[in-house]
């Protein structure tokens, strides 16, 4: 720089410590990196939203404790994934917008060297600090600092990346469970090899990679808090090499996760018949309360009918475990004269649409209120083709 601007050579380094260059540059990079992740995350939200809308009313078994519970819909479950990611997007945006520039603060943050540069004129030193922040595009600057910007900013950024990683890992774990059930699967390439030993397998390798990278970010995110907690007084140097690893590699990992996430959602496969059959297997048990009410309305004794359902349900369950095949609980109830219900009335009480509540409406309401405004605010993120993921 001195060779390029010889008249400035004599005072170029006055006040400008390495932190003046490095920390201010890091803040520029962090802001741009957060914006890049935000654009990628918006693309994932858009694809998940299209998936949710397409399957808003497709009833499926809901799971609590990974045991069959009340039915939900495939689209409603996708909205749970989207909701987490939307919250992450707000956090990424808040972190980018909340970054404060270091500016021209000097060796211990007092601006003493810059005041000296202006022959004791503190107002000029303050004006320089303001102008440098403005030129860098930061509306806010740190009014007080040590030699470096507070490492609290790094800790908050890494926490936002950890939040993103947690959401991605939740999605990937859910999809791996669904792929085990053969209900929903990640895309599988025509020449993709699932296992070198078992050629029939379709291992969910993209989701497994998402989980692996997410775990790495989640464990690394604590690094930011520790670095902030162990900054001595106006600064120490044990943060330097550490930050170069934690910040750069966490962003690279988060970027890779979002590329994988978009690729997975772009090719999600819903095996509708499998979804229907599993719901048909579990629904008879879930429908017993509706059947009981219908029979009681027709004059049955609720307590007596409850006991008969218990006996029928145990027998049907035992048969399923011993023999497999279809769940015949509803047939047993329809054939029992104590209930006084026709087969049509029993079937009507077990209509899957009766058990998903407002799930289809919730999908449309959520997408309209939370997702569509977000997508409308980021048209630039939706332009261009998806990144191809090699298998």
Protein backbone atom coordinates (compact mmCIF):
# COMPACT_ATOMS: atom_id res chain seq x y z
CA UNK A 1 0.00 0.00 0.00
CA UNK A 2 2.92 2.32 0.74
CA UNK A 3 4.33 1.72 -2.74
CA UNK A 4 0.94 2.50 -4.28
CA UNK A 5 0.38 5.58 -2.10
CA UNK A 6 3.86 6.88 -1.24
CA UNK A 7 2.62 10.15 0.26
CA UNK A 8 0.70 8.15 2.88
CA UNK A 9 3.57 5.77 3.67
CA UNK A 10 4.77 7.68 6.71
CA UNK A 11 1.55 7.32 8.68
CA UNK A 12 -0.31 4.40 7.11
CA UNK A 13 0.00 2.12 10.13
CA UNK A 14 -0.63 4.75 12.77
CA UNK A 15 -3.48 3.45 14.91
CA UNK A 16 -4.31 0.63 12.53
CA UNK A 17 -3.54 -2.55 14.44
CA UNK A 18 -3.97 -5.94 12.79
CA UNK A 19 -7.35 -6.15 14.55
CA UNK A 20 -8.46 -2.97 12.74
CA UNK A 21 -7.95 -4.79 9.45
CA UNK A 22 -8.83 -8.35 10.47
CA UNK A 23 -11.86 -7.74 12.69
CA UNK A 24 -13.52 -5.24 10.39
CA UNK A 25 -12.93 -7.58 7.45
CA UNK A 26 -14.36 -10.49 9.46
CA UNK A 27 -17.53 -8.50 10.08
CA UNK A 28 -17.92 -7.86 6.34
CA UNK A 29 -17.46 -11.57 5.67
CA UNK A 30 -19.87 -12.62 8.43
CA UNK A 31 -22.56 -10.31 7.07
CA UNK A 32 -22.17 -11.63 3.53
CA UNK A 33 -21.99 -15.25 4.71
CA UNK A 34 -25.19 -14.91 6.73
CA UNK A 35 -26.91 -13.44 3.66
CA UNK A 36 -25.76 -16.40 1.56
CA UNK A 37 -27.17 -18.90 4.07
CA UNK A 38 -30.39 -16.90 4.23
CA UNK A 39 -30.83 -17.18 0.45
CA UNK A 40 -30.17 -20.91 0.53
CA UNK A 41 -32.60 -21.41 3.43
CA UNK A 42 -35.34 -19.51 1.55
CA UNK A 43 -34.94 -21.95 -1.34
CA UNK A 44 -35.42 -24.89 1.01
CA UNK A 45 -38.50 -23.26 2.53
CA UNK A 46 -39.98 -22.74 -0.96
CA UNK A 47 -39.51 -26.40 -1.89
CA UNK A 48 -40.84 -27.66 1.43
CA UNK A 49 -43.86 -25.37 1.07
CA UNK A 50 -44.67 -26.83 -2.36
CA UNK A 51 -44.38 -30.33 -0.88
CA UNK A 52 -46.61 -29.43 2.08
CA UNK A 53 -49.28 -27.96 -0.15
CA UNK A 54 -49.26 -31.00 -2.46
CA UNK A 55 -49.81 -33.36 0.50
CA UNK A 56 -51.85 -31.10 2.77
CA UNK A 57 -54.75 -33.57 3.03
CA UNK A 58 -52.89 -36.89 2.67
CA UNK A 59 -53.70 -38.60 5.98
CA UNK A 60 -50.96 -40.61 7.65
CA UNK A 61 -50.17 -42.13 11.01
CA UNK A 62 -48.91 -39.62 13.55
CA UNK A 63 -46.20 -40.82 15.92
CA UNK A 64 -45.41 -39.96 19.52
CA UNK A 65 -42.52 -41.84 21.16
CA UNK A 66 -42.35 -43.46 17.68
CA UNK A 67 -45.53 -45.30 18.62
CA UNK A 68 -48.67 -44.90 16.52
CA UNK A 69 -50.75 -41.94 17.70
CA UNK A 70 -53.53 -39.77 16.28
CA UNK A 71 -53.34 -39.37 12.50
CA UNK A 72 -51.97 -36.23 10.92
CA UNK A 73 -51.23 -35.41 7.28
CA UNK A 74 -48.00 -35.58 5.33
CA UNK A 75 -48.30 -31.88 4.54
CA UNK A 76 -48.91 -30.88 8.16
CA UNK A 77 -45.78 -32.75 9.23
CA UNK A 78 -43.80 -30.89 6.55
CA UNK A 79 -45.06 -27.62 8.03
CA UNK A 80 -43.39 -28.54 11.32
CA UNK A 81 -40.08 -28.69 9.44
CA UNK A 82 -40.79 -25.42 7.66
CA UNK A 83 -41.74 -23.64 10.87
CA UNK A 84 -38.37 -24.44 12.45
CA UNK A 85 -36.53 -23.26 9.37
CA UNK A 86 -38.56 -20.03 9.19
CA UNK A 87 -37.56 -19.30 12.79
CA UNK A 88 -33.94 -19.93 11.82
CA UNK A 89 -34.29 -17.55 8.89
CA UNK A 90 -35.51 -14.80 11.20
CA UNK A 91 -32.54 -15.49 13.47
CA UNK A 92 -30.01 -15.41 10.59
CA UNK A 93 -31.50 -12.13 9.41
CA UNK A 94 -31.43 -10.68 12.92
CA UNK A 95 -27.82 -11.68 13.39
CA UNK A 96 -26.78 -10.13 10.07
CA UNK A 97 -28.70 -6.93 10.76
CA UNK A 98 -27.46 -6.76 14.33
CA UNK A 99 -23.74 -6.92 13.58
CA UNK A 100 -21.95 -3.79 14.77
CA UNK A 101 -18.82 -2.58 13.05
CA UNK A 102 -15.58 -2.20 15.01
CA UNK A 103 -14.36 0.84 13.11
CA UNK A 104 -11.26 2.79 14.17
CA UNK A 105 -10.70 2.07 17.85
CA UNK A 106 -6.96 1.48 18.24
CA UNK A 107 -4.87 -0.79 20.41
CA UNK A 108 -7.13 -0.79 23.48
CA UNK A 109 -10.28 0.76 22.06
CA UNK A 110 -9.67 4.34 23.25
CA UNK A 111 -8.96 5.79 19.77
CA UNK A 112 -5.88 7.46 21.28
CA UNK A 113 -3.68 6.84 18.21
CA UNK A 114 -6.34 8.24 15.88
CA UNK A 115 -6.70 11.33 18.07
CA UNK A 116 -2.92 11.73 17.77
CA UNK A 117 -3.20 11.34 13.98
CA UNK A 118 -5.48 14.39 13.98
CA UNK A 119 -3.22 16.41 16.26
CA UNK A 120 -5.46 16.00 19.29
CA UNK A 121 -8.75 16.62 17.52
CA UNK A 122 -11.07 13.97 19.05
CA UNK A 123 -14.02 15.10 16.94
CA UNK A 124 -12.12 14.20 13.76
CA UNK A 125 -11.20 10.81 15.20
CA UNK A 126 -14.87 10.18 15.93
CA UNK A 127 -15.86 11.36 12.43
CA UNK A 128 -13.34 8.94 10.91
CA UNK A 129 -14.83 6.12 12.96
CA UNK A 130 -18.32 7.00 11.72
CA UNK A 131 -17.29 7.36 8.09
CA UNK A 132 -15.42 4.05 7.97
CA UNK A 133 -18.50 2.26 9.34
CA UNK A 134 -20.75 4.01 6.83
CA UNK A 135 -18.42 3.19 3.91
CA UNK A 136 -18.52 -0.46 4.99
CA UNK A 137 -22.32 -0.37 4.91
CA UNK A 138 -22.90 -0.78 8.64
CA UNK A 139 -25.61 1.47 10.10
CA UNK A 140 -24.40 0.71 13.62
CA UNK A 141 -20.94 0.56 15.14
CA UNK A 142 -19.58 -0.43 18.51
CA UNK A 143 -19.34 2.70 20.62
CA UNK A 144 -16.97 0.97 23.04
CA UNK A 145 -14.53 -1.87 22.44
CA UNK A 146 -11.21 -3.32 23.40
CA UNK A 147 -8.75 -3.89 20.59
CA UNK A 148 -11.21 -6.28 18.93
CA UNK A 149 -14.96 -6.29 18.45
CA UNK A 150 -16.67 -8.13 21.27
CA UNK A 151 -16.58 -11.87 20.68
CA UNK A 152 -20.17 -11.93 21.86
CA UNK A 153 -21.00 -11.22 18.20
CA UNK A 154 -19.27 -14.45 17.12
CA UNK A 155 -21.05 -16.39 19.83
CA UNK A 156 -24.45 -15.11 18.65
CA UNK A 157 -23.67 -15.93 15.01
CA UNK A 158 -22.53 -19.46 15.87
CA UNK A 159 -25.67 -19.94 17.97
CA UNK A 160 -27.77 -19.03 14.92
CA UNK A 161 -25.88 -21.60 12.85
CA UNK A 162 -26.46 -24.15 15.60
CA UNK A 163 -30.19 -23.41 15.43
CA UNK A 164 -30.13 -24.02 11.69
CA UNK A 165 -28.19 -27.25 12.22
CA UNK A 166 -30.71 -28.44 14.80
CA UNK A 167 -33.61 -27.89 12.41
CA UNK A 168 -31.80 -29.64 9.58
CA UNK A 169 -30.94 -32.58 11.81
CA UNK A 170 -34.56 -32.88 13.00
CA UNK A 171 -35.73 -33.01 9.38
CA UNK A 172 -33.07 -35.54 8.38
CA UNK A 173 -33.78 -37.81 11.37
CA UNK A 174 -37.51 -37.68 10.67
CA UNK A 175 -36.98 -38.57 7.04
CA UNK A 176 -34.68 -41.46 7.94
CA UNK A 177 -37.43 -42.84 10.19
CA UNK A 178 -40.01 -42.39 7.43
CA UNK A 179 -37.68 -44.04 4.93
CA UNK A 180 -37.38 -47.01 7.28
CA UNK A 181 -41.18 -47.16 7.24
CA UNK A 182 -41.04 -46.85 3.42
CA UNK A 183 -43.54 -43.98 3.57
CA UNK A 184 -41.38 -41.06 2.40
CA UNK A 185 -37.90 -41.41 0.88
CA UNK A 186 -35.08 -39.14 -0.15
CA UNK A 187 -34.25 -39.20 -3.88
CA UNK A 188 -32.19 -42.17 -5.04
CA UNK A 189 -30.08 -41.88 -8.19
CA UNK A 190 -30.52 -44.35 -11.06
CA UNK A 191 -26.92 -45.53 -10.65
CA UNK A 192 -26.64 -44.89 -6.92
CA UNK A 193 -25.28 -47.77 -4.82
CA UNK A 194 -26.98 -48.08 -1.45
CA UNK A 195 -24.52 -50.55 0.03
CA UNK A 196 -21.36 -52.21 -1.26
CA UNK A 197 -22.35 -55.45 0.50
CA UNK A 198 -26.16 -55.37 0.11
CA UNK A 199 -27.09 -54.11 -3.37
CA UNK A 200 -30.83 -54.01 -2.60
CA UNK A 201 -30.46 -51.30 0.03
CA UNK A 202 -31.48 -47.65 -0.40
CA UNK A 203 -29.55 -46.02 2.41
CA UNK A 204 -30.59 -42.38 3.09
CA UNK A 205 -27.07 -41.11 2.52
CA UNK A 206 -27.94 -37.44 1.99
CA UNK A 207 -29.90 -37.24 5.22
CA UNK A 208 -27.17 -39.12 7.05
CA UNK A 209 -24.67 -36.56 5.76
CA UNK A 210 -26.96 -33.76 6.94
CA UNK A 211 -27.05 -35.31 10.41
CA UNK A 212 -23.28 -35.68 10.49
CA UNK A 213 -22.61 -32.07 9.48
CA UNK A 214 -25.32 -30.79 11.83
CA UNK A 215 -23.75 -32.62 14.75
CA UNK A 216 -20.42 -31.00 13.89
CA UNK A 217 -21.93 -27.49 13.93
CA UNK A 218 -23.88 -28.14 17.12
CA UNK A 219 -20.77 -29.23 18.99
CA UNK A 220 -18.61 -26.46 17.49
CA UNK A 221 -21.09 -23.70 18.29
CA UNK A 222 -20.11 -23.83 21.97
CA UNK A 223 -16.69 -22.63 20.83
CA UNK A 224 -18.04 -19.12 20.32
CA UNK A 225 -19.33 -18.86 23.85
CA UNK A 226 -16.07 -20.11 25.30
CA UNK A 227 -14.01 -17.72 23.20
CA UNK A 228 -16.13 -14.81 24.38
CA UNK A 229 -15.97 -15.98 27.99
CA UNK A 230 -12.17 -16.22 27.98
CA UNK A 231 -11.25 -12.89 26.36
CA UNK A 232 -8.89 -11.22 28.82
CA UNK A 233 -9.52 -7.54 29.48
CA UNK A 234 -8.96 -5.55 26.26
CA UNK A 235 -7.96 -8.66 24.26
CA UNK A 236 -5.91 -11.84 24.15
CA UNK A 237 -4.64 -13.83 21.20
CA UNK A 238 -5.77 -17.35 22.01
CA UNK A 239 -8.96 -16.66 20.10
CA UNK A 240 -7.24 -16.09 16.76
CA UNK A 241 -6.50 -19.53 15.33
CA UNK A 242 -9.59 -20.86 17.07
CA UNK A 243 -11.90 -18.37 15.35
CA UNK A 244 -10.42 -19.07 11.94
CA UNK A 245 -11.50 -22.68 12.31
CA UNK A 246 -14.81 -22.32 14.13
CA UNK A 247 -16.31 -19.52 12.04
CA UNK A 248 -15.15 -20.52 8.58
CA UNK A 249 -15.80 -24.23 8.91
CA UNK A 250 -19.19 -23.77 10.58
CA UNK A 251 -20.34 -21.60 7.69
CA UNK A 252 -19.01 -24.08 5.14
CA UNK A 253 -20.80 -26.92 6.92
CA UNK A 254 -24.05 -24.93 7.13
CA UNK A 255 -23.83 -24.15 3.43
CA UNK A 256 -23.33 -27.83 2.62
CA UNK A 257 -26.30 -28.79 4.81
CA UNK A 258 -28.60 -26.39 2.97
CA UNK A 259 -27.41 -27.62 -0.43
CA UNK A 260 -28.17 -31.19 0.67
CA UNK A 261 -31.50 -30.18 2.18
CA UNK A 262 -32.66 -28.54 -1.04
CA UNK A 263 -31.58 -31.58 -3.06
CA UNK A 264 -33.46 -33.95 -0.75
CA UNK A 265 -36.71 -31.96 -0.75
CA UNK A 266 -36.50 -31.40 -4.50
CA UNK A 267 -36.77 -35.16 -5.05
CA UNK A 268 -38.82 -36.41 -2.11
CA UNK A 269 -40.79 -39.57 -2.89
CA UNK A 270 -44.09 -40.24 -1.10
CA UNK A 271 -45.19 -43.86 -1.32
CA UNK A 272 -48.91 -43.16 -1.06
CA UNK A 273 -50.06 -46.77 -0.94
CA UNK A 274 -47.67 -47.57 1.91
CA UNK A 275 -48.92 -44.51 3.79
CA UNK A 276 -52.54 -45.61 3.25
CA UNK A 277 -51.91 -49.22 4.31
CA UNK A 278 -50.13 -48.27 7.50
CA UNK A 279 -52.94 -45.90 8.43
CA UNK A 280 -55.46 -48.66 7.66
CA UNK A 281 -53.57 -50.99 10.01
CA UNK A 282 -53.61 -48.55 12.92
CA UNK A 283 -56.89 -46.72 12.35
CA UNK A 284 -59.20 -49.43 13.69
CA UNK A 285 -57.62 -49.07 17.12
CA UNK A 286 -57.74 -45.28 16.92
CA UNK A 287 -61.37 -45.32 15.76
CA UNK A 288 -62.75 -47.25 18.72
CA UNK A 289 -63.82 -44.09 20.60
CA UNK A 290 -65.87 -42.95 17.59
CA UNK A 291 -67.41 -46.41 17.26
CA UNK A 292 -68.22 -46.46 20.96
CA UNK A 293 -70.01 -43.10 20.72
CA UNK A 294 -71.97 -44.16 17.64
CA UNK A 295 -73.14 -47.36 19.36
CA UNK A 296 -74.04 -45.51 22.56
CA UNK A 297 -76.15 -43.01 20.60
CA UNK A 298 -78.09 -45.98 19.19
CA UNK A 299 -78.92 -47.12 22.71
CA UNK A 300 -75.97 -49.29 23.72
CA UNK A 301 -74.56 -49.48 27.25
CA UNK A 302 -71.27 -47.60 27.08
CA UNK A 303 -69.56 -49.51 29.88
CA UNK A 304 -70.56 -52.90 28.50
CA UNK A 305 -69.57 -51.89 24.97
CA UNK A 306 -66.23 -50.56 26.22
CA UNK A 307 -65.43 -54.01 27.63
CA UNK A 308 -66.46 -55.73 24.40
CA UNK A 309 -64.19 -53.37 22.40
CA UNK A 310 -61.33 -54.11 24.79
CA UNK A 311 -61.74 -57.85 24.21
CA UNK A 312 -62.06 -57.47 20.43
CA UNK A 313 -59.05 -55.13 20.29
CA UNK A 314 -56.85 -57.51 22.26
CA UNK A 315 -57.86 -60.40 20.03
CA UNK A 316 -57.27 -58.42 16.84
CA UNK A 317 -53.90 -57.25 18.12
CA UNK A 318 -52.85 -60.76 19.08
CA UNK A 319 -53.87 -62.01 15.64
CA UNK A 320 -51.85 -59.27 13.92
CA UNK A 321 -48.75 -60.16 15.91
CA UNK A 322 -49.14 -63.90 15.38
CA UNK A 323 -50.42 -64.04 11.80
CA UNK A 324 -49.97 -60.61 10.21
CA UNK A 325 -52.44 -59.63 7.52
CA UNK A 326 -55.16 -57.00 7.86
CA UNK A 327 -56.41 -55.51 11.10
CA UNK A 328 -59.91 -57.02 11.44
CA UNK A 329 -61.03 -55.12 14.56
CA UNK A 330 -63.72 -53.17 12.73
CA UNK A 331 -65.06 -56.36 11.12
CA UNK A 332 -65.28 -57.96 14.57
CA UNK A 333 -67.23 -54.97 15.89
CA UNK A 334 -69.58 -54.87 12.88
CA UNK A 335 -70.31 -58.58 13.34
CA UNK A 336 -71.08 -58.15 17.05
CA UNK A 337 -74.85 -57.53 17.48
CA UNK A 338 -74.23 -55.83 20.83
CA UNK A 339 -73.10 -52.69 18.99
CA UNK A 340 -76.11 -52.48 16.69
CA UNK A 341 -74.05 -50.89 13.91
CA UNK A 342 -73.99 -51.76 10.23
CA UNK A 343 -70.71 -52.22 8.42
CA UNK A 344 -71.31 -48.89 6.69
CA UNK A 345 -71.82 -47.13 10.01
CA UNK A 346 -68.65 -48.68 11.43
CA UNK A 347 -66.71 -47.69 8.31
CA UNK A 348 -68.05 -44.13 8.51
CA UNK A 349 -66.87 -43.86 12.12
CA UNK A 350 -63.39 -44.87 10.95
CA UNK A 351 -63.13 -42.41 8.03
CA UNK A 352 -59.51 -41.08 8.15
CA UNK A 353 -60.76 -37.55 7.50
CA UNK A 354 -62.42 -37.58 10.92
CA UNK A 355 -59.09 -38.04 12.66
CA UNK A 356 -56.82 -35.39 11.15
CA UNK A 357 -58.65 -32.47 12.73
CA UNK A 358 -57.79 -29.18 11.05
CA UNK A 359 -54.48 -30.40 9.66
CA UNK A 360 -55.30 -29.57 6.00
CA UNK A 361 -56.58 -26.12 6.98
CA UNK A 362 -53.57 -25.55 9.22
CA UNK A 363 -51.28 -26.18 6.25
CA UNK A 364 -52.98 -23.54 4.12
CA UNK A 365 -53.20 -21.04 6.98
CA UNK A 366 -49.56 -21.50 7.94
CA UNK A 367 -48.29 -21.20 4.37
CA UNK A 368 -50.37 -18.08 3.75
CA UNK A 369 -49.42 -16.34 7.01
CA UNK A 370 -45.79 -17.35 7.51
CA UNK A 371 -44.30 -18.63 4.28
CA UNK A 372 -45.75 -16.70 1.38
CA UNK A 373 -44.77 -13.25 2.78
CA UNK A 374 -41.27 -14.54 3.44
CA UNK A 375 -40.89 -15.88 -0.11
CA UNK A 376 -42.29 -12.67 -1.55
CA UNK A 377 -39.63 -10.73 0.34
CA UNK A 378 -36.79 -12.80 -1.16
CA UNK A 379 -37.42 -13.09 -4.92
CA UNK A 380 -33.68 -13.12 -5.64
CA UNK A 381 -33.24 -16.32 -3.63
CA UNK A 382 -35.66 -18.25 -5.82
CA UNK A 383 -33.94 -17.46 -9.11
CA UNK A 384 -31.63 -20.02 -10.65
CA UNK A 385 -31.39 -23.79 -10.64
CA UNK A 386 -30.70 -25.97 -7.64
CA UNK A 387 -27.15 -27.12 -6.99
CA UNK A 388 -26.60 -30.72 -8.06
CA UNK A 389 -25.45 -33.05 -5.29
CA UNK A 390 -23.15 -35.86 -6.40
CA UNK A 391 -23.78 -39.31 -4.93
